[in-house]
Amino acid sequence: MTDLECARAGCRSAATSHVVWRNPRIHAADREKIWPACDEHVGFLRDYLAARDFPVTVRDGVPG
């Protein structure tokens, strides 16, 4: 099985966390979108989504 790669554009690092979010204008409350993130980009991805007023949380550890 291959490792998940970070969702940040151009990054090929292994993901260490999940950035979990949804767009409340189009997603039901029980819908979750998940972006895998490496240590370097987890804050960037979280902040990117939070700046758009999307509910966002970070789950450490990526099952694999």
PDB file of N, CA and C in Angstrom:
ATOM      1  N   MET A   1       0.842  -1.176   0.000  1.00  0.00           N
ATOM      2  CA  MET A   1       0.000   0.000   0.000  1.00  0.00           C
ATOM      3  C   MET A   1       0.890   1.242   0.000  1.00  0.00           C
ATOM      4  N   THR A   2       0.515   2.235  -0.789  1.00  0.00           N
ATOM      5  CA  THR A   2       1.307   3.457  -0.860  1.00  0.00           C
ATOM      6  C   THR A   2       0.859   4.444   0.209  1.00  0.00           C
ATOM      7  N   ASP A   3       1.801   5.286   0.643  1.00  0.00           N
ATOM      8  CA  ASP A   3       1.488   6.322   1.611  1.00  0.00           C
ATOM      9  C   ASP A   3       0.686   7.431   0.947  1.00  0.00           C
ATOM     10  N   LEU A   4      -0.157   8.082   1.738  1.00  0.00           N
ATOM     11  CA  LEU A   4      -0.882   9.242   1.242  1.00  0.00           C
ATOM     12  C   LEU A   4       0.072  10.420   1.123  1.00  0.00           C
ATOM     13  N   GLU A   5      -0.085  11.189   0.070  1.00  0.00           N
ATOM     14  CA  GLU A   5       0.725  12.385  -0.124  1.00  0.00           C
ATOM     15  C   GLU A   5      -0.059  13.610   0.324  1.00  0.00           C
ATOM     16  N   CYS A   6       0.660  14.629   0.722  1.00  0.00           N
ATOM     17  CA  CYS A   6       0.091  15.900   1.140  1.00  0.00           C
ATOM     18  C   CYS A   6      -0.752  16.494   0.006  1.00  0.00           C
ATOM     19  N   ALA A   7      -1.871  17.122   0.365  1.00  0.00           N
ATOM     20  CA  ALA A   7      -2.771  17.723  -0.614  1.00  0.00           C
ATOM     21  C   ALA A   7      -2.302  19.089  -1.108  1.00  0.00           C
ATOM     22  N   ARG A   8      -1.286  19.675  -0.496  1.00  0.00           N
ATOM     23  CA  ARG A   8      -0.773  20.975  -0.927  1.00  0.00           C
ATOM     24  C   ARG A   8      -0.196  20.838  -2.326  1.00  0.00           C
ATOM     25  N   ALA A   9      -0.568  21.744  -3.208  1.00  0.00           N
ATOM     26  CA  ALA A   9      -0.105  21.696  -4.596  1.00  0.00           C
ATOM     27  C   ALA A   9       1.419  21.628  -4.657  1.00  0.00           C
ATOM     28  N   GLY A  10       1.919  20.664  -5.410  1.00  0.00           N
ATOM     29  CA  GLY A  10       3.349  20.518  -5.619  1.00  0.00           C
ATOM     30  C   GLY A  10       4.090  19.768  -4.527  1.00  0.00           C
ATOM     31  N   CYS A  11       3.428  19.441  -3.436  1.00  0.00           N
ATOM     32  CA  CYS A  11       4.086  18.736  -2.338  1.00  0.00           C
ATOM     33  C   CYS A  11       3.948  17.227  -2.538  1.00  0.00           C
ATOM     34  N   ARG A  12       5.030  16.528  -2.360  1.00  0.00           N
ATOM     35  CA  ARG A  12       5.034  15.062  -2.497  1.00  0.00           C
ATOM     36  C   ARG A  12       5.345  14.376  -1.164  1.00  0.00           C
ATOM     37  N   SER A  13       5.363  15.141  -0.079  1.00  0.00           N
ATOM     38  CA  SER A  13       5.693  14.579   1.233  1.00  0.00           C
ATOM     39  C   SER A  13       4.576  13.683   1.735  1.00  0.00           C
ATOM     40  N   ALA A  14       4.940  12.740   2.586  1.00  0.00           N
ATOM     41  CA  ALA A  14       3.963  11.838   3.182  1.00  0.00           C
ATOM     42  C   ALA A  14       3.059  12.606   4.147  1.00  0.00           C
ATOM     43  N   ALA A  15       1.775  12.322   4.101  1.00  0.00           N
ATOM     44  CA  ALA A  15       0.810  12.954   4.995  1.00  0.00           C
ATOM     45  C   ALA A  15       0.954  12.395   6.405  1.00  0.00           C
ATOM     46  N   THR A  16       0.820  13.273   7.391  1.00  0.00           N
ATOM     47  CA  THR A  16       0.876  12.878   8.796  1.00  0.00           C
ATOM     48  C   THR A  16      -0.403  13.245   9.536  1.00  0.00           C
ATOM     49  N   SER A  17      -1.274  13.998   8.882  1.00  0.00           N
ATOM     50  CA  SER A  17      -2.529  14.452   9.482  1.00  0.00           C
ATOM     51  C   SER A  17      -3.618  14.506   8.422  1.00  0.00           C
ATOM     52  N   HIS A  18      -4.853  14.606   8.896  1.00  0.00           N
ATOM     53  CA  HIS A  18      -6.000  14.852   8.024  1.00  0.00           C
ATOM     54  C   HIS A  18      -6.569  16.213   8.364  1.00  0.00           C
ATOM     55  N   VAL A  19      -6.776  17.047   7.353  1.00  0.00           N
ATOM     56  CA  VAL A  19      -7.501  18.298   7.529  1.00  0.00           C
ATOM     57  C   VAL A  19      -8.930  17.995   7.082  1.00  0.00           C
ATOM     58  N   VAL A  20      -9.854  18.044   8.040  1.00  0.00           N
ATOM     59  CA  VAL A  20     -11.246  17.653   7.810  1.00  0.00           C
ATOM     60  C   VAL A  20     -12.092  18.920   7.739  1.00  0.00           C
ATOM     61  N   TRP A  21     -12.868  19.060   6.671  1.00  0.00           N
ATOM     62  CA  TRP A  21     -13.630  20.283   6.470  1.00  0.00           C
ATOM     63  C   TRP A  21     -14.894  20.020   5.671  1.00  0.00           C
ATOM     64  N   ARG A  22     -15.726  21.057   5.590  1.00  0.00           N
ATOM     65  CA  ARG A  22     -16.886  21.034   4.707  1.00  0.00           C
ATOM     66  C   ARG A  22     -17.265  22.454   4.351  1.00  0.00           C
ATOM     67  N   ASN A  23     -17.920  22.601   3.235  1.00  0.00           N
ATOM     68  CA  ASN A  23     -18.454  23.888   2.809  1.00  0.00           C
ATOM     69  C   ASN A  23     -19.927  23.894   3.205  1.00  0.00           C
ATOM     70  N   PRO A  24     -20.304  24.648   4.235  1.00  0.00           N
ATOM     71  CA  PRO A  24     -21.681  24.593   4.725  1.00  0.00           C
ATOM     72  C   PRO A  24     -22.716  25.097   3.720  1.00  0.00           C
ATOM     73  N   ARG A  25     -22.285  25.826   2.707  1.00  0.00           N
ATOM     74  CA  ARG A  25     -23.236  26.303   1.696  1.00  0.00           C
ATOM     75  C   ARG A  25     -23.673  25.189   0.746  1.00  0.00           C
ATOM     76  N   ILE A  26     -22.861  24.148   0.616  1.00  0.00           N
ATOM     77  CA  ILE A  26     -23.216  23.079  -0.321  1.00  0.00           C
ATOM     78  C   ILE A  26     -23.185  21.677   0.278  1.00  0.00           C
ATOM     79  N   HIS A  27     -22.605  21.510   1.474  1.00  0.00           N
ATOM     80  CA  HIS A  27     -22.506  20.185   2.089  1.00  0.00           C
ATOM     81  C   HIS A  27     -23.419  20.084   3.308  1.00  0.00           C
ATOM     82  N   ALA A  28     -24.060  18.951   3.461  1.00  0.00           N
ATOM     83  CA  ALA A  28     -24.857  18.678   4.661  1.00  0.00           C
ATOM     84  C   ALA A  28     -23.926  18.596   5.870  1.00  0.00           C
ATOM     85  N   ALA A  29     -24.483  18.770   7.053  1.00  0.00           N
ATOM     86  CA  ALA A  29     -23.689  18.787   8.289  1.00  0.00           C
ATOM     87  C   ALA A  29     -22.914  17.487   8.510  1.00  0.00           C
ATOM     88  N   ASP A  30     -23.404  16.374   7.978  1.00  0.00           N
ATOM     89  CA  ASP A  30     -22.719  15.095   8.186  1.00  0.00           C
ATOM     90  C   ASP A  30     -21.690  14.779   7.102  1.00  0.00           C
ATOM     91  N   ARG A  31     -21.527  15.657   6.137  1.00  0.00           N
ATOM     92  CA  ARG A  31     -20.559  15.443   5.050  1.00  0.00           C
ATOM     93  C   ARG A  31     -19.190  15.975   5.465  1.00  0.00           C
ATOM     94  N   GLU A  32     -18.148  15.182   5.270  1.00  0.00           N
ATOM     95  CA  GLU A  32     -16.780  15.603   5.565  1.00  0.00           C
ATOM     96  C   GLU A  32     -15.911  15.448   4.330  1.00  0.00           C
ATOM     97  N   LYS A  33     -15.114  16.449   4.076  1.00  0.00           N
ATOM     98  CA  LYS A  33     -14.079  16.373   3.054  1.00  0.00           C
ATOM     99  C   LYS A  33     -12.763  16.221   3.810  1.00  0.00           C
ATOM    100  N   ILE A  34     -11.849  15.440   3.289  1.00  0.00           N
ATOM    101  CA  ILE A  34     -10.587  15.186   3.991  1.00  0.00           C
ATOM    102  C   ILE A  34      -9.413  15.429   3.049  1.00  0.00           C
ATOM    103  N   TRP A  35      -8.527  16.296   3.497  1.00  0.00           N
ATOM    104  CA  TRP A  35      -7.278  16.537   2.784  1.00  0.00           C
ATOM    105  C   TRP A  35      -6.139  15.973   3.613  1.00  0.00           C
ATOM    106  N   PRO A  36      -5.336  15.066   3.074  1.00  0.00           N
ATOM    107  CA  PRO A  36      -4.134  14.627   3.785  1.00  0.00           C
ATOM    108  C   PRO A  36      -3.106  15.759   3.782  1.00  0.00           C
ATOM    109  N   ALA A  37      -2.362  15.894   4.877  1.00  0.00           N
ATOM    110  CA  ALA A  37      -1.396  16.987   4.987  1.00  0.00           C
ATOM    111  C   ALA A  37      -0.118  16.521   5.673  1.00  0.00           C
ATOM    112  N   CYS A  38       1.008  17.038   5.200  1.00  0.00           N
ATOM    113  CA  CYS A  38       2.288  16.773   5.853  1.00  0.00           C
ATOM    114  C   CYS A  38       2.468  17.780   6.993  1.00  0.00           C
ATOM    115  N   ASP A  39       3.480  17.558   7.822  1.00  0.00           N
ATOM    116  CA  ASP A  39       3.737  18.455   8.951  1.00  0.00           C
ATOM    117  C   ASP A  39       3.962  19.897   8.503  1.00  0.00           C
ATOM    118  N   GLU A  40       4.640  20.080   7.386  1.00  0.00           N
ATOM    119  CA  GLU A  40       4.963  21.425   6.916  1.00  0.00           C
ATOM    120  C   GLU A  40       3.736  22.206   6.446  1.00  0.00           C
ATOM    121  N   HIS A  41       2.743  21.522   5.870  1.00  0.00           N
ATOM    122  CA  HIS A  41       1.623  22.217   5.247  1.00  0.00           C
ATOM    123  C   HIS A  41       0.293  22.112   5.989  1.00  0.00           C
ATOM    124  N   VAL A  42       0.226  21.386   7.084  1.00  0.00           N
ATOM    125  CA  VAL A  42      -1.049  21.230   7.786  1.00  0.00           C
ATOM    126  C   VAL A  42      -1.605  22.591   8.224  1.00  0.00           C
ATOM    127  N   GLY A  43      -0.771  23.463   8.724  1.00  0.00           N
ATOM    128  CA  GLY A  43      -1.225  24.791   9.143  1.00  0.00           C
ATOM    129  C   GLY A  43      -1.705  25.629   7.977  1.00  0.00           C
ATOM    130  N   PHE A  44      -0.989  25.569   6.853  1.00  0.00           N
ATOM    131  CA  PHE A  44      -1.382  26.309   5.656  1.00  0.00           C
ATOM    132  C   PHE A  44      -2.764  25.863   5.180  1.00  0.00           C
ATOM    133  N   LEU A  45      -2.965  24.549   5.070  1.00  0.00           N
ATOM    134  CA  LEU A  45      -4.247  24.036   4.582  1.00  0.00           C
ATOM    135  C   LEU A  45      -5.384  24.363   5.546  1.00  0.00           C
ATOM    136  N   ARG A  46      -5.142  24.227   6.843  1.00  0.00           N
ATOM    137  CA  ARG A  46      -6.152  24.571   7.848  1.00  0.00           C
ATOM    138  C   ARG A  46      -6.517  26.051   7.744  1.00  0.00           C
ATOM    139  N   ASP A  47      -5.513  26.913   7.683  1.00  0.00           N
ATOM    140  CA  ASP A  47      -5.758  28.356   7.615  1.00  0.00           C
ATOM    141  C   ASP A  47      -6.455  28.757   6.312  1.00  0.00           C
ATOM    142  N   TYR A  48      -6.102  28.112   5.217  1.00  0.00           N
ATOM    143  CA  TYR A  48      -6.727  28.377   3.918  1.00  0.00           C
ATOM    144  C   TYR A  48      -8.238  28.146   3.996  1.00  0.00           C
ATOM    145  N   LEU A  49      -8.626  27.038   4.595  1.00  0.00           N
ATOM    146  CA  LEU A  49     -10.050  26.707   4.715  1.00  0.00           C
ATOM    147  C   LEU A  49     -10.753  27.580   5.755  1.00  0.00           C
ATOM    148  N   ALA A  50     -10.103  27.830   6.875  1.00  0.00           N
ATOM    149  CA  ALA A  50     -10.698  28.657   7.928  1.00  0.00           C
ATOM    150  C   ALA A  50     -10.931  30.085   7.438  1.00  0.00           C
ATOM    151  N   ALA A  51     -10.055  30.603   6.589  1.00  0.00           N
ATOM    152  CA  ALA A  51     -10.213  31.955   6.049  1.00  0.00           C
ATOM    153  C   ALA A  51     -11.475  32.077   5.199  1.00  0.00           C
ATOM    154  N   ARG A  52     -11.971  30.970   4.718  1.00  0.00           N
ATOM    155  CA  ARG A  52     -13.198  30.943   3.917  1.00  0.00           C
ATOM    156  C   ARG A  52     -14.426  30.621   4.770  1.00  0.00           C
ATOM    157  N   ASP A  53     -14.239  30.641   6.083  1.00  0.00           N
ATOM    158  CA  ASP A  53     -15.319  30.357   7.050  1.00  0.00           C
ATOM    159  C   ASP A  53     -15.879  28.944   6.933  1.00  0.00           C
ATOM    160  N   PHE A  54     -15.024  27.997   6.501  1.00  0.00           N
ATOM    161  CA  PHE A  54     -15.431  26.599   6.472  1.00  0.00           C
ATOM    162  C   PHE A  54     -15.133  25.986   7.840  1.00  0.00           C
ATOM    163  N   PRO A  55     -16.039  25.168   8.376  1.00  0.00           N
ATOM    164  CA  PRO A  55     -15.693  24.422   9.582  1.00  0.00           C
ATOM    165  C   PRO A  55     -14.521  23.490   9.256  1.00  0.00           C
ATOM    166  N   VAL A  56     -13.479  23.541  10.086  1.00  0.00           N
ATOM    167  CA  VAL A  56     -12.275  22.759   9.803  1.00  0.00           C
ATOM    168  C   VAL A  56     -11.672  22.255  11.112  1.00  0.00           C
ATOM    169  N   THR A  57     -11.203  21.011  11.099  1.00  0.00           N
ATOM    170  CA  THR A  57     -10.487  20.423  12.225  1.00  0.00           C
ATOM    171  C   THR A  57      -9.300  19.641  11.657  1.00  0.00           C
ATOM    172  N   VAL A  58      -8.350  19.354  12.541  1.00  0.00           N
ATOM    173  CA  VAL A  58      -7.191  18.567  12.150  1.00  0.00           C
ATOM    174  C   VAL A  58      -7.164  17.307  12.997  1.00  0.00           C
ATOM    175  N   ARG A  59      -7.018  16.174  12.335  1.00  0.00           N
ATOM    176  CA  ARG A  59      -6.866  14.889  13.016  1.00  0.00           C
ATOM    177  C   ARG A  59      -5.440  14.420  12.779  1.00  0.00           C
ATOM    178  N   ASP A  60      -4.686  14.293  13.864  1.00  0.00           N
ATOM    179  CA  ASP A  60      -3.308  13.828  13.737  1.00  0.00           C
ATOM    180  C   ASP A  60      -3.286  12.340  13.455  1.00  0.00           C
ATOM    181  N   GLY A  61      -2.280  11.941  12.732  1.00  0.00           N
ATOM    182  CA  GLY A  61      -2.125  10.529  12.384  1.00  0.00           C
ATOM    183  C   GLY A  61      -2.968  10.167  11.188  1.00  0.00           C
ATOM    184  N   VAL A  62      -2.365   9.496  10.251  1.00  0.00           N
ATOM    185  CA  VAL A  62      -3.057   9.066   9.043  1.00  0.00           C
ATOM    186  C   VAL A  62      -3.082   7.550   9.052  1.00  0.00           C
ATOM    187  N   PRO A  63      -4.270   6.959   9.034  1.00  0.00           N
ATOM    188  CA  PRO A  63      -4.313   5.498   9.014  1.00  0.00           C
ATOM    189  C   PRO A  63      -3.697   4.958   7.730  1.00  0.00           C
ATOM    190  N   GLY A  64      -3.015   3.902   7.836  1.00  0.00           N
ATOM    191  CA  GLY A  64      -2.388   3.418   6.623  1.00  0.00           C
ATOM    192  C   GLY A  64      -2.053   2.015   6.740  1.00  0.00           C
TER     193      GLY A  64
END
